[in-house]
């Protein structure tokens, strides 16, 4: 700590210097009120200021205190007064005094000096961190709301199909243990083209927070600028998006990238054509025989994440959605959910997803979506998912 002191007893000031220089604290003590104010007005940084309530007289002492409050409003000020003058502290306390000391003739109060000053500084630092955390919470919430504004909620579907989707950000804890819902790097979209074909996509930007969120916002803007007839060939579409995003520093700065799964579902022949850029393939649940599996081998169809290599190429894959089945597109926040305090690292994984899919086969699609989020969160034993999570569910009746 670096402490500035205005005192009324030169001999006592020297003794005080010895007490306050413990723990390598720096202390400047003066008995001259004018010199004291000049030090306050200077550019020197102080952690705390200690004054008396009677030097050079009671009224001037309070005026000096008031001036210090004006010059250094963020500074913790501690006042020292004699036992008989305790009542004079009232106007100090109502004017922003942080802490006080009761002086005694024997000078035993000096044993408390360092503890009182350190406590006042710690209190101010805690309040400052709380205010910063609150500002951070508001800033993050503003960006998160902007991000959520691009997530579709009312998704129209062709006859014979139902679709539900949901996105949840990860959380962090800040001062006081309060959770902050982060602006995240997950994204999903689903919409119908004029010929009733359904566009389905999920994306996941690397990292967390503002940068990941802005990467997703950039990709969303780009996708929505593309003409309808350019949506139909998944591999060519992903290649185009990749070339455009490779030119965006907000995406690829510091090694950033986005994984993407993009599909076009034709409701007439029930064929899904899709391409993956570093993303796991969809899961297909056949409700009649209760079989669940990926529609393709993830090791053979993943492709390179977008935003890294401008001339990367991708493959279009195809599969048919059979009657009475469910298709699931998701980001890795779901399967990678884990309890933070476990002895061994265990993830919710595809095993957890499969359990929930089978347990919910008799429920409607909205209930299944709710169960997937609740079961993965329960698996973390109250810690919450550490990564953003998006799920898109499509059911063919």
Protein backbone atom coordinates (compact mmCIF):
# COMPACT_ATOMS: atom_id res chain seq x y z
CA UNK A 1 0.00 0.00 0.00
CA UNK A 2 1.02 3.59 -0.60
CA UNK A 3 -0.39 5.86 2.10
CA UNK A 4 -0.60 9.65 2.42
CA UNK A 5 -1.00 11.04 5.95
CA UNK A 6 -1.78 14.51 7.29
CA UNK A 7 -0.97 14.48 11.02
CA UNK A 8 -0.82 16.99 13.89
CA UNK A 9 2.07 15.61 15.97
CA UNK A 10 5.56 15.49 14.40
CA UNK A 11 6.99 13.10 17.00
CA UNK A 12 4.03 10.78 16.69
CA UNK A 13 4.30 11.00 12.89
CA UNK A 14 7.78 9.46 12.99
CA UNK A 15 6.55 6.59 15.14
CA UNK A 16 3.62 6.15 12.82
CA UNK A 17 5.98 5.87 9.87
CA UNK A 18 7.59 2.83 11.51
CA UNK A 19 4.22 1.14 12.02
CA UNK A 20 2.99 1.83 8.49
CA UNK A 21 6.13 0.76 6.67
CA UNK A 22 5.49 -2.91 7.44
CA UNK A 23 4.82 -5.18 4.43
CA UNK A 24 6.79 -2.77 2.24
CA UNK A 25 4.04 -0.16 2.46
CA UNK A 26 5.09 3.25 1.26
CA UNK A 27 4.01 6.13 3.48
CA UNK A 28 4.30 9.91 3.13
CA UNK A 29 3.49 11.91 6.28
CA UNK A 30 3.24 15.69 6.60
CA UNK A 31 2.07 18.02 9.36
CA UNK A 32 1.51 20.88 6.92
CA UNK A 33 -2.12 20.96 5.58
CA UNK A 34 -1.10 23.03 2.55
CA UNK A 35 1.69 20.63 1.63
CA UNK A 36 -0.75 17.77 2.18
CA UNK A 37 -3.25 19.22 -0.33
CA UNK A 38 -0.50 19.74 -2.89
CA UNK A 39 0.36 16.05 -2.58
CA UNK A 40 -3.31 15.18 -3.02
CA UNK A 41 -3.47 17.37 -6.14
CA UNK A 42 -0.31 15.82 -7.58
CA UNK A 43 -0.28 12.91 -10.03
CA UNK A 44 1.06 10.54 -7.40
CA UNK A 45 -0.98 7.40 -6.83
CA UNK A 46 -2.21 6.66 -3.31
CA UNK A 47 -4.02 3.60 -2.01
CA UNK A 48 -5.38 5.35 1.09
CA UNK A 49 -5.34 8.72 2.83
CA UNK A 50 -5.28 9.22 6.61
CA UNK A 51 -6.27 12.54 8.21
CA UNK A 52 -7.09 13.88 11.67
CA UNK A 53 -10.36 15.62 12.56
CA UNK A 54 -8.70 18.46 14.49
CA UNK A 55 -5.69 19.71 12.48
CA UNK A 56 -5.14 22.62 12.31
CA UNK A 57 -8.67 23.13 13.75
CA UNK A 58 -11.97 21.28 13.48
CA UNK A 59 -13.53 23.34 10.69
CA UNK A 60 -10.38 23.54 8.57
CA UNK A 61 -9.85 19.80 9.04
CA UNK A 62 -13.32 19.09 7.64
CA UNK A 63 -12.81 21.51 4.77
CA UNK A 64 -9.57 19.68 3.95
CA UNK A 65 -11.41 16.36 4.05
CA UNK A 66 -14.09 17.76 1.74
CA UNK A 67 -11.44 18.99 -0.67
CA UNK A 68 -9.74 15.58 -0.72
CA UNK A 69 -13.10 13.95 -1.49
CA UNK A 70 -13.53 16.35 -4.39
CA UNK A 71 -10.05 15.75 -5.77
CA UNK A 72 -9.90 12.00 -5.17
CA UNK A 73 -13.49 10.69 -5.06
CA UNK A 74 -12.34 7.11 -5.57
CA UNK A 75 -9.84 7.25 -2.70
CA UNK A 76 -10.58 5.62 0.67
CA UNK A 77 -10.14 8.24 3.41
CA UNK A 78 -9.66 7.26 7.03
CA UNK A 79 -10.07 9.79 9.85
CA UNK A 80 -8.48 9.70 13.31
CA UNK A 81 -10.06 11.53 16.27
CA UNK A 82 -9.67 11.72 20.04
CA UNK A 83 -12.15 9.87 22.24
CA UNK A 84 -13.82 13.12 23.32
CA UNK A 85 -14.37 14.11 19.66
CA UNK A 86 -16.14 10.99 18.45
CA UNK A 87 -19.37 12.92 17.87
CA UNK A 88 -17.54 15.01 15.25
CA UNK A 89 -17.25 11.94 13.03
CA UNK A 90 -20.94 12.13 12.14
CA UNK A 91 -20.54 14.71 9.38
CA UNK A 92 -17.50 12.87 8.06
CA UNK A 93 -19.38 9.58 7.83
CA UNK A 94 -22.31 11.18 6.00
CA UNK A 95 -19.85 12.79 3.56
CA UNK A 96 -18.07 9.65 2.44
CA UNK A 97 -15.60 8.72 5.20
CA UNK A 98 -14.52 5.13 4.65
CA UNK A 99 -13.24 4.22 8.15
CA UNK A 100 -12.01 5.84 11.38
CA UNK A 101 -9.63 5.37 14.32
CA UNK A 102 -10.09 6.44 17.94
CA UNK A 103 -6.87 7.95 19.26
CA UNK A 104 -5.73 7.44 22.84
CA UNK A 105 -3.17 9.37 24.84
CA UNK A 106 -0.85 6.36 25.14
CA UNK A 107 -0.76 5.91 21.36
CA UNK A 108 -1.96 2.30 21.46
CA UNK A 109 -4.22 3.05 18.47
CA UNK A 110 -1.14 2.75 16.27
CA UNK A 111 -1.27 -1.01 16.64
CA UNK A 112 -4.53 -0.88 14.64
CA UNK A 113 -3.33 1.55 11.98
CA UNK A 114 -2.19 -0.93 9.37
CA UNK A 115 -5.19 -3.25 9.78
CA UNK A 116 -7.72 -0.40 9.52
CA UNK A 117 -6.05 1.06 6.43
CA UNK A 118 -5.73 -2.32 4.76
CA UNK A 119 -9.37 -3.11 5.51
CA UNK A 120 -10.54 0.18 3.99
CA UNK A 121 -8.47 -0.41 0.84
CA UNK A 122 -9.78 -3.97 0.49
CA UNK A 123 -13.35 -2.76 0.86
CA UNK A 124 -12.92 -0.12 -1.84
CA UNK A 125 -11.24 -2.62 -4.17
CA UNK A 126 -14.09 -5.08 -3.66
CA UNK A 127 -16.67 -2.39 -4.45
CA UNK A 128 -14.70 -1.34 -7.52
CA UNK A 129 -14.56 -4.94 -8.75
CA UNK A 130 -18.28 -5.32 -8.11
CA UNK A 131 -19.02 -2.22 -10.22
CA UNK A 132 -16.73 -3.44 -12.99
CA UNK A 133 -18.38 -6.85 -12.87
CA UNK A 134 -21.80 -5.23 -13.11
CA UNK A 135 -20.70 -3.19 -16.12
CA UNK A 136 -19.25 -6.34 -17.66
CA UNK A 137 -22.53 -8.13 -17.02
CA UNK A 138 -24.49 -5.36 -18.76
CA UNK A 139 -22.11 -5.21 -21.72
CA UNK A 140 -22.21 -8.96 -22.19
CA UNK A 141 -25.98 -8.98 -21.84
CA UNK A 142 -26.30 -6.32 -24.55
CA UNK A 143 -24.20 -8.33 -27.00
CA UNK A 144 -25.99 -11.54 -26.00
CA UNK A 145 -29.37 -9.94 -26.72
CA UNK A 146 -28.08 -8.83 -30.12
CA UNK A 147 -26.93 -12.37 -30.80
CA UNK A 148 -30.25 -13.87 -29.69
CA UNK A 149 -32.06 -11.48 -32.02
CA UNK A 150 -30.67 -13.41 -35.02
CA UNK A 151 -31.78 -16.79 -33.66
CA UNK A 152 -35.08 -17.85 -35.28
CA UNK A 153 -37.96 -18.73 -32.96
CA UNK A 154 -41.04 -19.33 -35.12
CA UNK A 155 -39.84 -21.75 -37.78
CA UNK A 156 -42.27 -22.68 -40.54
CA UNK A 157 -42.10 -26.25 -41.87
CA UNK A 158 -43.62 -28.11 -44.82
CA UNK A 159 -46.41 -30.64 -44.30
CA UNK A 160 -45.33 -33.85 -42.65
CA UNK A 161 -42.48 -32.27 -40.71
CA UNK A 162 -42.01 -30.59 -37.35
CA UNK A 163 -38.97 -28.65 -36.18
CA UNK A 164 -37.87 -27.21 -32.83
CA UNK A 165 -34.56 -25.59 -31.88
CA UNK A 166 -32.87 -23.96 -28.92
CA UNK A 167 -29.66 -22.17 -28.03
CA UNK A 168 -28.09 -21.64 -24.60
CA UNK A 169 -24.90 -19.75 -23.77
CA UNK A 170 -22.30 -20.95 -21.33
CA UNK A 171 -22.00 -19.21 -17.96
CA UNK A 172 -19.17 -17.76 -15.87
CA UNK A 173 -19.17 -16.65 -12.25
CA UNK A 174 -17.90 -13.25 -11.16
CA UNK A 175 -17.70 -11.24 -7.94
CA UNK A 176 -20.13 -12.54 -5.34
CA UNK A 177 -20.62 -15.80 -7.21
CA UNK A 178 -23.23 -14.25 -9.49
CA UNK A 179 -23.56 -16.03 -12.85
CA UNK A 180 -23.10 -14.12 -16.07
CA UNK A 181 -24.65 -15.57 -19.21
CA UNK A 182 -21.98 -15.11 -21.82
CA UNK A 183 -22.31 -13.90 -25.35
CA UNK A 184 -21.39 -17.08 -27.13
CA UNK A 185 -20.13 -18.54 -30.37
CA UNK A 186 -22.95 -20.96 -31.21
CA UNK A 187 -25.46 -20.44 -33.96
CA UNK A 188 -28.35 -22.20 -35.60
CA UNK A 189 -30.74 -21.27 -38.36
CA UNK A 190 -33.66 -22.96 -40.06
CA UNK A 191 -35.92 -21.60 -42.75
CA UNK A 192 -37.94 -22.69 -45.77
CA UNK A 193 -37.15 -21.82 -49.39
CA UNK A 194 -39.88 -20.96 -51.92
CA UNK A 195 -39.96 -24.59 -53.16
CA UNK A 196 -40.58 -25.81 -49.56
CA UNK A 197 -37.02 -27.12 -49.16
CA UNK A 198 -35.80 -26.61 -45.59
CA UNK A 199 -32.41 -25.07 -44.82
CA UNK A 200 -30.88 -26.42 -41.61
CA UNK A 201 -27.58 -25.29 -40.19
CA UNK A 202 -25.63 -25.13 -36.95
CA UNK A 203 -22.31 -23.37 -36.38
CA UNK A 204 -19.79 -23.08 -33.58
CA UNK A 205 -17.09 -20.39 -33.46
CA UNK A 206 -13.86 -21.23 -31.66
CA UNK A 207 -13.36 -19.69 -28.24
CA UNK A 208 -15.90 -17.89 -26.11
CA UNK A 209 -17.23 -14.43 -25.41
CA UNK A 210 -17.27 -11.33 -27.59
CA UNK A 211 -14.95 -12.50 -30.37
CA UNK A 212 -16.80 -15.77 -30.88
CA UNK A 213 -20.12 -13.91 -30.85
CA UNK A 214 -18.96 -11.37 -33.44
CA UNK A 215 -17.65 -14.20 -35.66
CA UNK A 216 -21.10 -15.75 -35.64
CA UNK A 217 -22.78 -12.39 -36.31
CA UNK A 218 -20.47 -11.93 -39.32
CA UNK A 219 -21.34 -15.37 -40.68
CA UNK A 220 -25.07 -14.82 -40.16
CA UNK A 221 -24.96 -11.53 -42.06
CA UNK A 222 -23.09 -13.18 -44.91
CA UNK A 223 -25.48 -16.13 -45.13
CA UNK A 224 -28.56 -13.93 -45.19
CA UNK A 225 -27.09 -11.92 -48.10
CA UNK A 226 -26.86 -15.00 -50.31
CA UNK A 227 -29.59 -15.44 -52.95
CA UNK A 228 -32.00 -18.36 -52.60
CA UNK A 229 -30.75 -20.26 -55.64
CA UNK A 230 -27.26 -20.39 -54.12
CA UNK A 231 -28.47 -22.34 -51.11
CA UNK A 232 -29.14 -25.59 -52.92
CA UNK A 233 -25.71 -27.20 -53.30
CA UNK A 234 -24.29 -27.67 -49.76
CA UNK A 235 -20.62 -28.19 -50.68
CA UNK A 236 -20.50 -25.14 -52.97
CA UNK A 237 -22.37 -23.09 -50.40
CA UNK A 238 -19.88 -23.96 -47.62
CA UNK A 239 -16.95 -23.24 -49.94
CA UNK A 240 -18.38 -19.81 -50.76
CA UNK A 241 -18.97 -18.94 -47.09
CA UNK A 242 -15.46 -20.15 -46.26
CA UNK A 243 -13.82 -17.94 -48.90
CA UNK A 244 -15.70 -14.90 -47.66
CA UNK A 245 -14.94 -15.51 -43.98
CA UNK A 246 -11.24 -16.07 -44.66
CA UNK A 247 -11.13 -12.35 -45.51
CA UNK A 248 -12.71 -11.37 -42.18
CA UNK A 249 -10.14 -10.71 -39.43
CA UNK A 250 -12.85 -10.84 -36.78
CA UNK A 251 -13.15 -14.57 -37.53
CA UNK A 252 -9.59 -15.76 -38.20
CA UNK A 253 -7.60 -13.42 -35.93
CA UNK A 254 -5.52 -15.33 -33.38
CA UNK A 255 -6.26 -18.63 -35.09
CA UNK A 256 -10.05 -18.34 -34.93
CA UNK A 257 -12.39 -20.48 -37.05
CA UNK A 258 -15.98 -21.72 -37.25
CA UNK A 259 -17.27 -25.26 -37.58
CA UNK A 260 -20.43 -25.53 -39.67
CA UNK A 261 -22.98 -28.14 -40.63
CA UNK A 262 -25.23 -27.09 -43.50
CA UNK A 263 -28.09 -29.14 -44.91
CA UNK A 264 -30.97 -28.89 -47.38
CA UNK A 265 -33.98 -31.14 -46.71
CA UNK A 266 -36.26 -31.86 -49.66
CA UNK A 267 -39.74 -32.65 -48.25
CA UNK A 268 -40.86 -34.24 -51.53
CA UNK A 269 -38.37 -37.10 -51.61
CA UNK A 270 -37.30 -36.69 -47.94
CA UNK A 271 -33.65 -36.49 -48.91
CA UNK A 272 -31.19 -34.51 -46.83
CA UNK A 273 -28.13 -33.20 -48.66
CA UNK A 274 -25.50 -31.73 -46.39
CA UNK A 275 -21.89 -30.66 -46.00
CA UNK A 276 -19.76 -30.37 -42.88
CA UNK A 277 -16.88 -28.05 -42.12
CA UNK A 278 -15.18 -29.50 -39.07
CA UNK A 279 -18.57 -30.39 -37.58
CA UNK A 280 -20.05 -33.72 -36.48
CA UNK A 281 -22.79 -35.16 -38.75
CA UNK A 282 -26.46 -35.24 -37.72
CA UNK A 283 -27.90 -38.02 -35.59
CA UNK A 284 -30.85 -40.02 -36.89
CA UNK A 285 -33.29 -41.73 -34.52
CA UNK A 286 -35.61 -44.29 -36.17
CA UNK A 287 -38.51 -44.43 -33.76
CA UNK A 288 -39.97 -47.68 -35.12
CA UNK A 289 -36.95 -49.84 -34.26
CA UNK A 290 -35.33 -47.38 -31.78
CA UNK A 291 -31.99 -47.34 -33.61
CA UNK A 292 -29.82 -44.25 -33.26
CA UNK A 293 -26.68 -43.33 -35.15
CA UNK A 294 -24.84 -40.71 -37.15
CA UNK A 295 -25.95 -40.44 -40.77
CA UNK A 296 -22.30 -40.79 -41.87
CA UNK A 297 -18.86 -41.51 -40.46
CA UNK A 298 -17.70 -38.28 -38.81
CA UNK A 299 -14.04 -39.06 -39.55
CA UNK A 300 -14.70 -39.20 -43.28
CA UNK A 301 -17.04 -36.25 -43.77
CA UNK A 302 -15.98 -33.56 -41.32
CA UNK A 303 -13.99 -31.31 -43.68
CA UNK A 304 -11.86 -28.36 -42.60
CA UNK A 305 -13.43 -25.65 -40.36
CA UNK A 306 -14.21 -22.46 -42.24
CA UNK A 307 -12.15 -19.31 -41.94
CA UNK A 308 -8.75 -21.01 -42.17
CA UNK A 309 -7.88 -21.97 -45.78
CA UNK A 310 -9.58 -19.89 -48.52
CA UNK A 311 -9.46 -22.60 -51.22
CA UNK A 312 -10.62 -25.49 -49.01
CA UNK A 313 -13.05 -27.88 -50.72
CA UNK A 314 -15.99 -29.74 -49.21
CA UNK A 315 -18.18 -32.73 -50.11
CA UNK A 316 -21.95 -33.00 -50.34
CA UNK A 317 -23.41 -36.03 -48.57
CA UNK A 318 -26.88 -37.48 -48.85
CA UNK A 319 -29.25 -39.49 -46.72
CA UNK A 320 -32.99 -40.20 -46.65
CA UNK A 321 -35.12 -39.34 -43.64
CA UNK A 322 -37.42 -42.37 -43.15
CA UNK A 323 -40.98 -42.04 -41.85
CA UNK A 324 -41.45 -41.81 -38.10
CA UNK A 325 -37.90 -40.67 -37.38
CA UNK A 326 -36.07 -37.75 -35.83
CA UNK A 327 -33.01 -35.87 -37.08
CA UNK A 328 -30.76 -33.99 -34.65
CA UNK A 329 -28.18 -31.29 -35.48
CA UNK A 330 -26.16 -30.05 -32.51
CA UNK A 331 -22.99 -28.35 -31.30
CA UNK A 332 -20.40 -29.95 -29.06
CA UNK A 333 -21.48 -28.07 -25.93
CA UNK A 334 -24.13 -30.75 -25.49
CA UNK A 335 -21.92 -33.84 -25.65
CA UNK A 336 -18.94 -32.22 -23.88
CA UNK A 337 -20.89 -31.28 -20.74
CA UNK A 338 -19.04 -32.63 -17.69
CA UNK A 339 -19.00 -32.36 -13.88
CA UNK A 340 -16.07 -30.08 -12.95
CA UNK A 341 -15.39 -31.72 -9.58
CA UNK A 342 -15.16 -35.32 -10.75
CA UNK A 343 -12.03 -37.39 -10.11
CA UNK A 344 -12.01 -38.44 -13.75
CA UNK A 345 -13.06 -36.42 -16.78
CA UNK A 346 -16.38 -37.83 -17.96
CA UNK A 347 -18.55 -36.24 -20.61
CA UNK A 348 -22.29 -36.48 -21.28
CA UNK A 349 -21.27 -37.73 -24.71
CA UNK A 350 -23.26 -39.53 -27.36
CA UNK A 351 -24.14 -42.13 -24.73
CA UNK A 352 -25.98 -39.49 -22.71
CA UNK A 353 -27.67 -38.13 -25.83
CA UNK A 354 -28.74 -41.65 -26.83
CA UNK A 355 -30.21 -42.32 -23.38
CA UNK A 356 -32.27 -39.13 -23.55
CA UNK A 357 -33.44 -39.80 -27.11
CA UNK A 358 -34.66 -43.28 -26.19
CA UNK A 359 -36.23 -42.15 -22.92
CA UNK A 360 -38.11 -39.42 -24.75
CA UNK A 361 -39.23 -41.37 -27.84
CA UNK A 362 -42.84 -41.36 -26.65
CA UNK A 363 -42.85 -37.62 -25.95
CA UNK A 364 -43.33 -34.76 -28.38
CA UNK A 365 -40.42 -32.95 -30.00
CA UNK A 366 -40.53 -29.95 -27.64
CA UNK A 367 -40.31 -32.25 -24.62
CA UNK A 368 -37.34 -34.06 -26.16
CA UNK A 369 -35.55 -30.75 -26.69
CA UNK A 370 -36.20 -29.77 -23.07
CA UNK A 371 -34.98 -33.16 -21.82
CA UNK A 372 -31.71 -32.94 -23.77
CA UNK A 373 -30.82 -29.62 -22.16
CA UNK A 374 -31.94 -30.70 -18.69
CA UNK A 375 -30.22 -34.09 -18.75
CA UNK A 376 -26.88 -32.70 -19.95
CA UNK A 377 -27.04 -29.93 -17.36
CA UNK A 378 -27.90 -32.44 -14.61
CA UNK A 379 -24.89 -34.51 -15.66
CA UNK A 380 -22.64 -31.57 -14.71
CA UNK A 381 -23.82 -31.86 -11.07
CA UNK A 382 -24.88 -28.24 -10.88
CA UNK A 383 -21.78 -26.79 -12.54
CA UNK A 384 -23.58 -26.01 -15.80
CA UNK A 385 -22.32 -26.54 -19.34
CA UNK A 386 -18.98 -24.82 -19.88
CA UNK A 387 -19.64 -24.33 -23.60
CA UNK A 388 -22.45 -22.86 -25.67
CA UNK A 389 -25.05 -25.37 -26.81
CA UNK A 390 -27.34 -25.42 -29.85
CA UNK A 391 -29.77 -28.16 -30.88
CA UNK A 392 -32.02 -28.40 -33.93
CA UNK A 393 -34.54 -31.29 -33.99
CA UNK A 394 -36.53 -32.30 -37.07
CA UNK A 395 -39.23 -34.97 -37.01
CA UNK A 396 -40.82 -36.65 -39.99
CA UNK A 397 -44.24 -37.94 -38.97
